[in-house]
C-alpha atoms as a PDB file:
ATOM      1  CA  MET A   1       0.000   0.000   0.000  1.00  0.00           C
ATOM      2  CA  SER A   2       1.302   3.439  -0.875  1.00  0.00           C
ATOM      3  CA  LEU A   3       0.089   6.803   0.315  1.00  0.00           C
ATOM      4  CA  THR A   4       0.589   9.938  -1.704  1.00  0.00           C
ATOM      5  CA  VAL A   5       2.238  12.677   0.316  1.00  0.00           C
ATOM      6  CA  ASP A   6       1.794  16.361  -0.447  1.00  0.00           C
ATOM      7  CA  PRO A   7       5.272  17.962  -0.587  1.00  0.00           C
ATOM      8  CA  HIS A   8       4.015  20.801   1.619  1.00  0.00           C
ATOM      9  CA  GLN A   9       3.169  18.247   4.313  1.00  0.00           C
ATOM     10  CA  ILE A  10       6.709  16.890   4.143  1.00  0.00           C
ATOM     11  CA  LEU A  11       8.091  20.364   4.771  1.00  0.00           C
ATOM     12  CA  TYR A  12       5.779  20.861   7.755  1.00  0.00           C
ATOM     13  CA  TRP A  13       6.465  17.460   9.322  1.00  0.00           C
ATOM     14  CA  ILE A  14      10.206  17.636   9.067  1.00  0.00           C
ATOM     15  CA  SER A  15      10.642  21.226  10.143  1.00  0.00           C
ATOM     16  CA  ASN A  16       8.206  21.113  13.083  1.00  0.00           C
ATOM     17  CA  VAL A  17       8.899  17.807  14.792  1.00  0.00           C
ATOM     18  CA  THR A  18      11.837  15.921  16.205  1.00  0.00           C
ATOM     19  CA  ILE A  19      12.183  12.720  14.209  1.00  0.00           C
ATOM     20  CA  THR A  20      15.107  10.398  13.625  1.00  0.00           C
ATOM     21  CA  THR A  21      13.641   8.108  10.936  1.00  0.00           C
ATOM     22  CA  LEU A  22      11.455   8.956   7.952  1.00  0.00           C
ATOM     23  CA  ASN A  23      10.254   6.301   5.508  1.00  0.00           C
ATOM     24  CA  LEU A  24       8.830   7.787   2.309  1.00  0.00           C
ATOM     25  CA  TYR A  25       9.195   4.587   0.291  1.00  0.00           C
ATOM     26  CA  ALA A  26       7.157   4.569  -2.949  1.00  0.00           C
ATOM     27  CA  ASN A  27       5.410   7.913  -2.465  1.00  0.00           C
ATOM     28  CA  ASN A  28       6.443   9.277  -5.869  1.00  0.00           C
ATOM     29  CA  ILE A  29       7.528  12.627  -4.427  1.00  0.00           C
ATOM     30  CA  GLY A  30       9.610  13.420  -7.502  1.00  0.00           C
ATOM     31  CA  ALA A  31      12.172  16.205  -7.810  1.00  0.00           C
ATOM     32  CA  GLU A  32       9.711  18.784  -6.479  1.00  0.00           C
ATOM     33  CA  GLY A  33       9.143  16.788  -3.300  1.00  0.00           C
ATOM     34  CA  ALA A  34      12.886  16.317  -2.954  1.00  0.00           C
ATOM     35  CA  SER A  35      13.344  20.094  -3.107  1.00  0.00           C
ATOM     36  CA  TYR A  36      10.809  20.540  -0.273  1.00  0.00           C
ATOM     37  CA  LEU A  37      12.560  17.827   1.687  1.00  0.00           C
ATOM     38  CA  ALA A  38      15.919  19.506   1.116  1.00  0.00           C
ATOM     39  CA  SER A  39      14.545  22.841   2.364  1.00  0.00           C
ATOM     40  CA  ALA A  40      13.053  21.216   5.446  1.00  0.00           C
ATOM     41  CA  SER A  41      16.319  19.499   6.312  1.00  0.00           C
ATOM     42  CA  SER A  42      17.845  22.844   7.249  1.00  0.00           C
ATOM     43  CA  TYR A  43      15.360  23.001  10.138  1.00  0.00           C
ATOM     44  CA  ASN A  44      15.753  19.402  11.280  1.00  0.00           C
ATOM     45  CA  THR A  45      19.078  18.209  12.630  1.00  0.00           C
ATOM     46  CA  THR A  46      17.802  14.993  14.251  1.00  0.00           C
ATOM     47  CA  LEU A  47      16.883  13.000  11.126  1.00  0.00           C
ATOM     48  CA  THR A  48      19.426  10.203  10.667  1.00  0.00           C
ATOM     49  CA  ILE A  49      17.560   7.655   8.501  1.00  0.00           C
ATOM     50  CA  LEU A  50      15.680   8.623   5.348  1.00  0.00           C
ATOM     51  CA  ASP A  51      14.204   6.065   2.931  1.00  0.00           C
ATOM     52  CA  LEU A  52      13.459   7.569  -0.485  1.00  0.00           C
ATOM     53  CA  ASN A  53      13.436   4.361  -2.526  1.00  0.00           C
ATOM     54  CA  ASP A  54      11.047   4.300  -5.476  1.00  0.00           C
ATOM     55  CA  ASN A  55      10.237   8.018  -5.446  1.00  0.00           C
ATOM     56  CA  ASN A  56      11.330   9.095  -8.927  1.00  0.00           C
ATOM     57  CA  ILE A  57      13.420  11.988  -7.614  1.00  0.00           C
ATOM     58  CA  GLY A  58      15.888  11.719 -10.498  1.00  0.00           C
ATOM     59  CA  ASP A  59      19.177  13.564 -10.859  1.00  0.00           C
ATOM     60  CA  LYS A  60      17.638  16.949 -10.105  1.00  0.00           C
ATOM     61  CA  GLY A  61      16.071  15.767  -6.843  1.00  0.00           C
ATOM     62  CA  THR A  62      19.287  14.021  -5.872  1.00  0.00           C
ATOM     63  CA  ARG A  63      21.207  17.278  -6.364  1.00  0.00           C
ATOM     64  CA  TYR A  64      18.741  19.157  -4.136  1.00  0.00           C
ATOM     65  CA  LEU A  65      19.202  16.625  -1.359  1.00  0.00           C
ATOM     66  CA  THR A  66      22.964  16.324  -1.755  1.00  0.00           C
ATOM     67  CA  ASN A  67      23.439  20.089  -1.553  1.00  0.00           C
ATOM     68  CA  ALA A  68      21.182  20.306   1.506  1.00  0.00           C
ATOM     69  CA  LEU A  69      23.093  17.551   3.280  1.00  0.00           C
ATOM     70  CA  LYS A  70      26.416  19.272   2.587  1.00  0.00           C
ATOM     71  CA  HIS A  71      25.139  22.402   4.343  1.00  0.00           C
ATOM     72  CA  ASN A  72      23.528  20.538   7.236  1.00  0.00           C
ATOM     73  CA  GLN A  73      26.491  18.691   8.733  1.00  0.00           C
END
């Protein structure tokens, strides 16, 4: 079973709660969702496990996340 997640919800959840694990497996967030996730990561320093398998984020989404992680060490 897969739930579709609104990228705006991802931003809210990650930036407003203390979480260590986030499983977004097969939610098809795409590059746009990855950009929201990357933005939210600057507000969350407790997330240590993130599952983005089967989300079609592509090269563009991967770049968003990679750049965010470089700045959030």
